PDB file of N, CA and C in Angstrom:
ATOM      1  N   TYR A   1       0.563  -1.335  -0.037  1.00  0.00           N
ATOM      2  CA  TYR A   1       0.224  -0.385  -0.128  1.00  0.00           C
ATOM      3  C   TYR A   1       1.064   1.245   0.403  1.00  0.00           C
ATOM      4  N   ASP A   2       2.011   0.859   0.193  1.00  0.00           N
ATOM      5  CA  ASP A   2       3.044   2.266  -0.402  1.00  0.00           C
ATOM      6  C   ASP A   2       2.101   2.971  -1.389  1.00  0.00           C
ATOM      7  N   ASN A   3       2.479   4.545  -1.465  1.00  0.00           N
ATOM      8  CA  ASN A   3       1.976   5.203  -2.185  1.00  0.00           C
ATOM      9  C   ASN A   3       0.977   5.215  -2.770  1.00  0.00           C
ATOM     10  N   MET A   4      -0.214   4.468  -2.348  1.00  0.00           N
ATOM     11  CA  MET A   4      -1.380   4.525  -3.295  1.00  0.00           C
ATOM     12  C   MET A   4      -1.459   5.489  -3.239  1.00  0.00           C
ATOM     13  N   TRP A   5      -1.953   6.732  -2.022  1.00  0.00           N
ATOM     14  CA  TRP A   5      -2.832   7.702  -3.094  1.00  0.00           C
ATOM     15  C   TRP A   5      -2.303   8.377  -4.116  1.00  0.00           C
ATOM     16  N   GLN A   6      -0.877   8.629  -4.732  1.00  0.00           N
ATOM     17  CA  GLN A   6      -0.547   8.857  -5.723  1.00  0.00           C
ATOM     18  C   GLN A   6      -0.903   7.969  -6.377  1.00  0.00           C
ATOM     19  N   LYS A   7      -1.024   6.904  -6.696  1.00  0.00           N
ATOM     20  CA  LYS A   7      -0.654   5.697  -7.594  1.00  0.00           C
ATOM     21  C   LYS A   7      -2.662   5.775  -7.852  1.00  0.00           C
ATOM     22  N   ILE A   8      -3.879   6.139  -7.302  1.00  0.00           N
ATOM     23  CA  ILE A   8      -5.334   6.396  -7.384  1.00  0.00           C
ATOM     24  C   ILE A   8      -4.603   7.897  -8.225  1.00  0.00           C
ATOM     25  N   ARG A   9      -4.187   8.958  -7.539  1.00  0.00           N
ATOM     26  CA  ARG A   9      -4.311   9.950  -8.440  1.00  0.00           C
ATOM     27  C   ARG A   9      -4.019   9.916  -9.989  1.00  0.00           C
ATOM     28  N   SER A  10      -2.796   9.492  -9.862  1.00  0.00           N
ATOM     29  CA  SER A  10      -2.467   8.732 -11.562  1.00  0.00           C
ATOM     30  C   SER A  10      -3.064   8.277 -12.519  1.00  0.00           C
ATOM     31  N   MET A  11      -4.173   7.311 -11.943  1.00  0.00           N
ATOM     32  CA  MET A  11      -4.385   6.837 -12.561  1.00  0.00           C
ATOM     33  C   MET A  11      -5.939   7.362 -12.890  1.00  0.00           C
ATOM     34  N   TRP A  12      -6.563   8.528 -12.582  1.00  0.00           N
ATOM     35  CA  TRP A  12      -7.368   8.826 -12.107  1.00  0.00           C
ATOM     36  C   TRP A  12      -7.538  10.039 -13.271  1.00  0.00           C
ATOM     37  N   THR A  13      -6.153  10.538 -13.391  1.00  0.00           N
ATOM     38  CA  THR A  13      -5.255  11.091 -13.860  1.00  0.00           C
ATOM     39  C   THR A  13      -5.340  10.897 -15.571  1.00  0.00           C
ATOM     40  N   PHE A  14      -4.988   9.741 -15.627  1.00  0.00           N
ATOM     41  CA  PHE A  14      -5.064   9.468 -17.555  1.00  0.00           C
ATOM     42  C   PHE A  14      -5.824   8.724 -17.758  1.00  0.00           C
ATOM     43  N   VAL A  15      -6.647   8.295 -16.491  1.00  0.00           N
ATOM     44  CA  VAL A  15      -7.947   7.357 -17.524  1.00  0.00           C
ATOM     45  C   VAL A  15      -8.929   9.444 -17.896  1.00  0.00           C
ATOM     46  N   SER A  16      -8.830  10.141 -17.325  1.00  0.00           N
ATOM     47  CA  SER A  16      -9.646  11.138 -17.678  1.00  0.00           C
ATOM     48  C   SER A  16      -9.064  12.007 -19.007  1.00  0.00           C
ATOM     49  N   LYS A  17      -7.592  12.389 -18.765  1.00  0.00           N
ATOM     50  CA  LYS A  17      -7.534  13.061 -20.320  1.00  0.00           C
ATOM     51  C   LYS A  17      -7.541  11.363 -21.777  1.00  0.00           C
ATOM     52  N   HIS A  18      -7.267  10.641 -21.495  1.00  0.00           N
ATOM     53  CA  HIS A  18      -7.354   9.907 -22.500  1.00  0.00           C
ATOM     54  C   HIS A  18      -9.161   8.569 -22.547  1.00  0.00           C
ATOM     55  N   TYR A  19      -9.798   8.959 -21.652  1.00  0.00           N
ATOM     56  CA  TYR A  19     -10.695   7.610 -21.628  1.00  0.00           C
ATOM     57  C   TYR A  19     -12.077   8.605 -21.687  1.00  0.00           C
ATOM     58  N   VAL A  20     -12.068   9.954 -21.006  1.00  0.00           N
ATOM     59  CA  VAL A  20     -13.008  10.492 -20.362  1.00  0.00           C
ATOM     60  C   VAL A  20     -14.533   9.360 -21.697  1.00  0.00           C
ATOM     61  N   ARG A  21     -14.624  10.455 -22.523  1.00  0.00           N
ATOM     62  CA  ARG A  21     -15.578  10.774 -23.646  1.00  0.00           C
ATOM     63  C   ARG A  21     -15.691   9.068 -24.166  1.00  0.00           C
ATOM     64  N   ASP A  22     -14.909   7.962 -23.761  1.00  0.00           N
ATOM     65  CA  ASP A  22     -15.548   6.592 -24.890  1.00  0.00           C
ATOM     66  C   ASP A  22     -16.421   6.111 -23.935  1.00  0.00           C
ATOM     67  N   PHE A  23     -16.836   6.137 -22.722  1.00  0.00           N
ATOM     68  CA  PHE A  23     -16.899   4.720 -22.103  1.00  0.00           C
ATOM     69  C   PHE A  23     -18.594   5.576 -20.588  1.00  0.00           C
ATOM     70  N   ASP A  24     -19.778   5.412 -20.005  1.00  0.00           N
ATOM     71  CA  ASP A  24     -20.171   6.562 -19.618  1.00  0.00           C
ATOM     72  C   ASP A  24     -20.252   6.429 -18.320  1.00  0.00           C
ATOM     73  N   TYR A  25     -19.503   5.075 -17.648  1.00  0.00           N
ATOM     74  CA  TYR A  25     -19.088   4.819 -16.194  1.00  0.00           C
ATOM     75  C   TYR A  25     -18.057   4.269 -16.008  1.00  0.00           C
ATOM     76  N   PHE A  26     -16.807   4.183 -14.792  1.00  0.00           N
ATOM     77  CA  PHE A  26     -15.533   4.091 -14.408  1.00  0.00           C
ATOM     78  C   PHE A  26     -15.468   3.513 -13.354  1.00  0.00           C
ATOM     79  N   ILE A  27     -15.091   1.881 -13.082  1.00  0.00           N
ATOM     80  CA  ILE A  27     -15.367   1.865 -11.754  1.00  0.00           C
ATOM     81  C   ILE A  27     -13.657   1.404 -11.424  1.00  0.00           C
ATOM     82  N   ILE A  28     -12.984   1.705 -10.213  1.00  0.00           N
ATOM     83  CA  ILE A  28     -11.853   1.037  -9.152  1.00  0.00           C
ATOM     84  C   ILE A  28     -12.150   0.049  -8.162  1.00  0.00           C
ATOM     85  N   GLY A  29     -11.876  -0.933  -7.923  1.00  0.00           N
ATOM     86  CA  GLY A  29     -11.374  -1.869  -7.245  1.00  0.00           C
ATOM     87  C   GLY A  29     -10.172  -2.474  -6.593  1.00  0.00           C
ATOM     88  N   GLY A  30      -9.977  -3.019  -5.773  1.00  0.00           N
ATOM     89  CA  GLY A  30      -9.217  -3.622  -5.816  1.00  0.00           C
ATOM     90  C   GLY A  30      -8.792  -5.360  -6.109  1.00  0.00           C
ATOM     91  N   GLU A  31      -7.779  -6.103  -5.741  1.00  0.00           N
ATOM     92  CA  GLU A  31      -7.484  -7.009  -6.870  1.00  0.00           C
ATOM     93  C   GLU A  31      -8.901  -8.462  -6.581  1.00  0.00           C
ATOM     94  N   ASP A  32      -9.283  -8.540  -5.350  1.00  0.00           N
ATOM     95  CA  ASP A  32      -9.892  -9.009  -4.557  1.00  0.00           C
ATOM     96  C   ASP A  32     -11.734  -8.672  -4.655  1.00  0.00           C
ATOM     97  N   LEU A  33     -11.513  -8.115  -5.891  1.00  0.00           N
ATOM     98  CA  LEU A  33     -13.132  -7.087  -5.864  1.00  0.00           C
ATOM     99  C   LEU A  33     -14.152  -8.446  -7.080  1.00  0.00           C
ATOM    100  N   TYR A  34     -15.183  -8.730  -6.883  1.00  0.00           N
ATOM    101  CA  TYR A  34     -15.912  -9.406  -7.719  1.00  0.00           C
ATOM    102  C   TYR A  34     -17.450  -8.633  -8.281  1.00  0.00           C
ATOM    103  N   ILE A  35     -17.212  -8.228  -9.753  1.00  0.00           N
ATOM    104  CA  ILE A  35     -18.308  -7.438  -9.798  1.00  0.00           C
ATOM    105  C   ILE A  35     -19.169  -8.608 -10.856  1.00  0.00           C
ATOM    106  N   LEU A  36     -20.402  -8.530 -11.221  1.00  0.00           N
ATOM    107  CA  LEU A  36     -21.506  -8.917 -11.845  1.00  0.00           C
ATOM    108  C   LEU A  36     -22.021  -8.293 -12.890  1.00  0.00           C
ATOM    109  N   PRO A  37     -20.902  -7.763 -13.596  1.00  0.00           N
ATOM    110  CA  PRO A  37     -20.959  -7.174 -15.090  1.00  0.00           C
ATOM    111  C   PRO A  37     -22.496  -6.791 -15.593  1.00  0.00           C
ATOM    112  N   GLY A  38     -23.871  -7.686 -15.676  1.00  0.00           N
ATOM    113  CA  GLY A  38     -25.034  -7.410 -15.677  1.00  0.00           C
ATOM    114  C   GLY A  38     -25.742  -6.953 -14.312  1.00  0.00           C
ATOM    115  N   ASN A  39     -25.674  -7.226 -13.154  1.00  0.00           N
ATOM    116  CA  ASN A  39     -26.474  -6.516 -12.572  1.00  0.00           C
ATOM    117  C   ASN A  39     -25.578  -5.162 -11.814  1.00  0.00           C
ATOM    118  N   LEU A  40     -24.271  -4.411 -12.042  1.00  0.00           N
ATOM    119  CA  LEU A  40     -23.841  -2.656 -11.948  1.00  0.00           C
ATOM    120  C   LEU A  40     -24.740  -2.406 -13.514  1.00  0.00           C
ATOM    121  N   ARG A  41     -24.234  -3.129 -13.932  1.00  0.00           N
ATOM    122  CA  ARG A  41     -25.000  -2.403 -15.542  1.00  0.00           C
ATOM    123  C   ARG A  41     -25.998  -2.557 -15.317  1.00  0.00           C
ATOM    124  N   ALA A  42     -27.306  -2.959 -14.530  1.00  0.00           N
ATOM    125  CA  ALA A  42     -28.899  -2.784 -14.814  1.00  0.00           C
ATOM    126  C   ALA A  42     -28.983  -1.734 -13.322  1.00  0.00           C
ATOM    127  N   TYR A  43     -27.981  -1.749 -12.584  1.00  0.00           N
ATOM    128  CA  TYR A  43     -27.963  -0.575 -11.324  1.00  0.00           C
ATOM    129  C   TYR A  43     -27.894   0.681 -11.354  1.00  0.00           C
ATOM    130  N   LEU A  44     -26.591   0.846 -12.606  1.00  0.00           N
ATOM    131  CA  LEU A  44     -26.678   1.827 -12.832  1.00  0.00           C
ATOM    132  C   LEU A  44     -27.254   2.784 -14.017  1.00  0.00           C
ATOM    133  N   ALA A  45     -28.189   2.078 -14.357  1.00  0.00           N
ATOM    134  CA  ALA A  45     -29.644   2.602 -15.367  1.00  0.00           C
ATOM    135  C   ALA A  45     -30.358   2.668 -14.854  1.00  0.00           C
ATOM    136  N   THR A  46     -29.888   2.785 -13.091  1.00  0.00           N
ATOM    137  CA  THR A  46     -31.333   3.007 -12.731  1.00  0.00           C
ATOM    138  C   THR A  46     -30.975   5.111 -11.617  1.00  0.00           C
ATOM    139  N   VAL A  47     -29.337   5.097 -11.816  1.00  0.00           N
ATOM    140  CA  VAL A  47     -29.260   6.322 -11.325  1.00  0.00           C
ATOM    141  C   VAL A  47     -29.042   7.461 -11.674  1.00  0.00           C
ATOM    142  N   GLY A  48     -29.720   7.560 -13.029  1.00  0.00           N
ATOM    143  CA  GLY A  48     -29.784   8.525 -14.073  1.00  0.00           C
ATOM    144  C   GLY A  48     -28.416   8.510 -15.013  1.00  0.00           C
ATOM    145  N   SER A  49     -28.151   9.916 -16.067  1.00  0.00           N
ATOM    146  CA  SER A  49     -27.508  10.369 -16.533  1.00  0.00           C
ATOM    147  C   SER A  49     -25.638   9.919 -16.626  1.00  0.00           C
ATOM    148  N   PRO A  50     -25.200   9.195 -17.186  1.00  0.00           N
ATOM    149  CA  PRO A  50     -23.811   9.599 -16.764  1.00  0.00           C
ATOM    150  C   PRO A  50     -22.974  10.749 -16.757  1.00  0.00           C
ATOM    151  N   ASP A  51     -23.894  11.864 -17.309  1.00  0.00           N
ATOM    152  CA  ASP A  51     -23.564  12.914 -17.855  1.00  0.00           C
ATOM    153  C   ASP A  51     -24.012  13.707 -16.311  1.00  0.00           C
ATOM    154  N   GLN A  52     -24.715  13.383 -15.562  1.00  0.00           N
ATOM    155  CA  GLN A  52     -25.019  13.615 -14.243  1.00  0.00           C
ATOM    156  C   GLN A  52     -23.888  13.162 -13.178  1.00  0.00           C
ATOM    157  N   VAL A  53     -23.379  14.145 -12.280  1.00  0.00           N
ATOM    158  CA  VAL A  53     -22.163  13.396 -11.292  1.00  0.00           C
ATOM    159  C   VAL A  53     -22.683  12.521 -10.320  1.00  0.00           C
ATOM    160  N   HIS A  54     -22.211  11.507 -10.288  1.00  0.00           N
ATOM    161  CA  HIS A  54     -22.153  10.253  -9.953  1.00  0.00           C
ATOM    162  C   HIS A  54     -21.412   9.849  -8.926  1.00  0.00           C
ATOM    163  N   PHE A  55     -21.181   9.583  -7.913  1.00  0.00           N
ATOM    164  CA  PHE A  55     -19.792   9.096  -6.919  1.00  0.00           C
ATOM    165  C   PHE A  55     -20.493   7.467  -6.382  1.00  0.00           C
ATOM    166  N   LEU A  56     -20.662   6.339  -6.878  1.00  0.00           N
ATOM    167  CA  LEU A  56     -21.547   5.614  -6.351  1.00  0.00           C
ATOM    168  C   LEU A  56     -20.481   4.508  -5.400  1.00  0.00           C
ATOM    169  N   GLY A  57     -20.322   3.884  -3.971  1.00  0.00           N
ATOM    170  CA  GLY A  57     -20.088   2.929  -3.316  1.00  0.00           C
ATOM    171  C   GLY A  57     -19.958   2.764  -2.025  1.00  0.00           C
ATOM    172  N   ARG A  58     -19.496   1.616  -1.435  1.00  0.00           N
ATOM    173  CA  ARG A  58     -19.899   2.025  -0.012  1.00  0.00           C
ATOM    174  C   ARG A  58     -19.197   3.043   0.989  1.00  0.00           C
ATOM    175  N   ARG A  59     -19.539   3.526   1.306  1.00  0.00           N
ATOM    176  CA  ARG A  59     -19.190   4.649   2.278  1.00  0.00           C
ATOM    177  C   ARG A  59     -18.963   4.087   3.896  1.00  0.00           C
ATOM    178  N   PHE A  60     -17.964   4.684   4.212  1.00  0.00           N
ATOM    179  CA  PHE A  60     -16.871   4.502   4.945  1.00  0.00           C
ATOM    180  C   PHE A  60     -16.668   5.952   5.546  1.00  0.00           C
ATOM    181  N   LYS A  61     -16.616   5.955   7.199  1.00  0.00           N
ATOM    182  CA  LYS A  61     -16.661   7.128   7.712  1.00  0.00           C
ATOM    183  C   LYS A  61     -15.537   6.999   8.653  1.00  0.00           C
ATOM    184  N   GLY A  62     -14.557   8.275   8.109  1.00  0.00           N
ATOM    185  CA  GLY A  62     -13.659   8.740   8.596  1.00  0.00           C
ATOM    186  C   GLY A  62     -13.472   9.423  10.190  1.00  0.00           C
ATOM    187  N   ARG A  63     -12.102  10.297  10.408  1.00  0.00           N
ATOM    188  CA  ARG A  63     -11.440  10.559  11.425  1.00  0.00           C
ATOM    189  C   ARG A  63     -12.492  11.852  11.567  1.00  0.00           C
ATOM    190  N   GLY A  64     -13.399  12.516  12.366  1.00  0.00           N
ATOM    191  CA  GLY A  64     -14.060  13.370  12.422  1.00  0.00           C
ATOM    192  C   GLY A  64     -15.229  14.046  11.896  1.00  0.00           C
ATOM    193  N   ARG A  65     -16.190  14.304  12.031  1.00  0.00           N
ATOM    194  CA  ARG A  65     -17.439  14.992  11.901  1.00  0.00           C
ATOM    195  C   ARG A  65     -17.578  14.508  10.428  1.00  0.00           C
ATOM    196  N   SER A  66     -17.299  15.171   9.788  1.00  0.00           N
ATOM    197  CA  SER A  66     -17.807  14.845   8.528  1.00  0.00           C
ATOM    198  C   SER A  66     -17.125  14.382   7.156  1.00  0.00           C
ATOM    199  N   ASN A  67     -15.896  13.829   7.662  1.00  0.00           N
ATOM    200  CA  ASN A  67     -15.533  12.809   7.104  1.00  0.00           C
ATOM    201  C   ASN A  67     -15.711  11.426   6.772  1.00  0.00           C
ATOM    202  N   TYR A  68     -16.380  11.512   4.815  1.00  0.00           N
ATOM    203  CA  TYR A  68     -16.188  10.327   4.939  1.00  0.00           C
ATOM    204  C   TYR A  68     -15.116  10.024   3.726  1.00  0.00           C
ATOM    205  N   PHE A  69     -15.840   8.161   3.382  1.00  0.00           N
ATOM    206  CA  PHE A  69     -15.407   7.938   1.199  1.00  0.00           C
ATOM    207  C   PHE A  69     -15.903   6.468   1.212  1.00  0.00           C
ATOM    208  N   ASN A  70     -15.366   6.495   0.014  1.00  0.00           N
ATOM    209  CA  ASN A  70     -15.498   5.280  -0.217  1.00  0.00           C
ATOM    210  C   ASN A  70     -14.322   4.686  -0.677  1.00  0.00           C
ATOM    211  N   SER A  71     -14.375   3.289  -0.299  1.00  0.00           N
ATOM    212  CA  SER A  71     -13.458   2.812   0.228  1.00  0.00           C
ATOM    213  C   SER A  71     -12.978   1.821  -1.309  1.00  0.00           C
ATOM    214  N   GLY A  72     -11.257   2.030  -1.871  1.00  0.00           N
ATOM    215  CA  GLY A  72     -10.965   1.342  -3.582  1.00  0.00           C
ATOM    216  C   GLY A  72     -10.922  -0.119  -2.906  1.00  0.00           C
ATOM    217  N   GLY A  73     -10.515  -0.705  -2.233  1.00  0.00           N
ATOM    218  CA  GLY A  73     -11.046  -1.983  -1.973  1.00  0.00           C
ATOM    219  C   GLY A  73     -12.020  -2.208  -2.200  1.00  0.00           C
ATOM    220  N   ALA A  74     -13.167  -1.528  -1.390  1.00  0.00           N
ATOM    221  CA  ALA A  74     -14.854  -1.764  -1.849  1.00  0.00           C
ATOM    222  C   ALA A  74     -14.885  -2.130  -3.452  1.00  0.00           C
ATOM    223  N   GLY A  75     -14.187  -1.053  -3.698  1.00  0.00           N
ATOM    224  CA  GLY A  75     -14.887  -0.869  -5.033  1.00  0.00           C
ATOM    225  C   GLY A  75     -15.707   0.912  -5.078  1.00  0.00           C
ATOM    226  N   TYR A  76     -15.768   1.666  -5.856  1.00  0.00           N
ATOM    227  CA  TYR A  76     -16.743   2.758  -6.658  1.00  0.00           C
ATOM    228  C   TYR A  76     -16.710   2.845  -7.940  1.00  0.00           C
ATOM    229  N   VAL A  77     -17.247   3.399  -8.297  1.00  0.00           N
ATOM    230  CA  VAL A  77     -18.052   3.837  -9.239  1.00  0.00           C
ATOM    231  C   VAL A  77     -18.167   4.934  -9.672  1.00  0.00           C
ATOM    232  N   LEU A  78     -17.360   6.326 -10.743  1.00  0.00           N
ATOM    233  CA  LEU A  78     -18.000   7.325 -11.168  1.00  0.00           C
ATOM    234  C   LEU A  78     -18.320   7.766 -12.476  1.00  0.00           C
ATOM    235  N   SER A  79     -19.748   8.499 -12.058  1.00  0.00           N
ATOM    236  CA  SER A  79     -19.834   9.011 -13.885  1.00  0.00           C
ATOM    237  C   SER A  79     -19.168   9.514 -14.852  1.00  0.00           C
ATOM    238  N   ARG A  80     -19.076  10.028 -15.688  1.00  0.00           N
ATOM    239  CA  ARG A  80     -17.679  10.353 -16.864  1.00  0.00           C
ATOM    240  C   ARG A  80     -18.376  11.966 -16.176  1.00  0.00           C
ATOM    241  N   ALA A  81     -19.491  12.444 -16.003  1.00  0.00           N
ATOM    242  CA  ALA A  81     -19.397  13.958 -15.233  1.00  0.00           C
ATOM    243  C   ALA A  81     -18.346  13.914 -13.736  1.00  0.00           C
ATOM    244  N   ALA A  82     -18.835  12.660 -13.224  1.00  0.00           N
ATOM    245  CA  ALA A  82     -18.125  12.755 -11.858  1.00  0.00           C
ATOM    246  C   ALA A  82     -16.587  13.463 -12.239  1.00  0.00           C
ATOM    247  N   LEU A  83     -15.848  11.789 -13.320  1.00  0.00           N
ATOM    248  CA  LEU A  83     -14.475  12.037 -13.910  1.00  0.00           C
ATOM    249  C   LEU A  83     -13.893  13.460 -14.402  1.00  0.00           C
ATOM    250  N   GLU A  84     -15.128  14.039 -15.185  1.00  0.00           N
ATOM    251  CA  GLU A  84     -14.538  15.193 -16.286  1.00  0.00           C
ATOM    252  C   GLU A  84     -14.176  16.054 -14.790  1.00  0.00           C
ATOM    253  N   ARG A  85     -14.929  15.997 -13.925  1.00  0.00           N
ATOM    254  CA  ARG A  85     -14.877  17.337 -12.433  1.00  0.00           C
ATOM    255  C   ARG A  85     -13.966  16.891 -11.896  1.00  0.00           C
ATOM    256  N   LEU A  86     -13.023  15.310 -12.026  1.00  0.00           N
ATOM    257  CA  LEU A  86     -12.052  15.203 -10.992  1.00  0.00           C
ATOM    258  C   LEU A  86     -10.498  15.617 -11.020  1.00  0.00           C
ATOM    259  N   PRO A  87     -10.210  16.121 -11.994  1.00  0.00           N
ATOM    260  CA  PRO A  87      -8.343  15.798 -11.889  1.00  0.00           C
ATOM    261  C   PRO A  87      -7.875  17.273 -11.047  1.00  0.00           C
ATOM    262  N   PRO A  88      -8.839  18.973 -11.378  1.00  0.00           N
ATOM    263  CA  PRO A  88      -8.533  19.699 -11.050  1.00  0.00           C
ATOM    264  C   PRO A  88      -8.680  19.392  -9.356  1.00  0.00           C
ATOM    265  N   LEU A  89      -9.375  17.952  -8.822  1.00  0.00           N
ATOM    266  CA  LEU A  89      -9.599  18.750  -7.181  1.00  0.00           C
ATOM    267  C   LEU A  89      -8.187  17.616  -5.962  1.00  0.00           C
ATOM    268  N   LEU A  90      -7.103  16.491  -7.843  1.00  0.00           N
ATOM    269  CA  LEU A  90      -6.606  15.755  -7.279  1.00  0.00           C
ATOM    270  C   LEU A  90      -5.599  16.342  -7.069  1.00  0.00           C
ATOM    271  N   HIS A  91      -4.900  17.942  -7.344  1.00  0.00           N
ATOM    272  CA  HIS A  91      -3.473  18.447  -7.352  1.00  0.00           C
ATOM    273  C   HIS A  91      -3.695  19.354  -6.755  1.00  0.00           C
TER     274      HIS A  91
END
């Protein structure tokens, strides 16, 4: 897990530069994450347009009153609109 934050920042920056227009949703998760693509596709069809900001995943409570985050190990999904807005927040 050394330097995990920098790895995640670099991955999302690269994907946003090269693939953001190619897909509706983007997912990240740990190597032991199991996904049923059909179920995920059906669920994503219910949340709205990929041109709306969606950040979906298992929410964890961190330290402090309003510190919440989605764990990469459990996986999370970004809509195209969310990924377009993400890079300036990463640097």
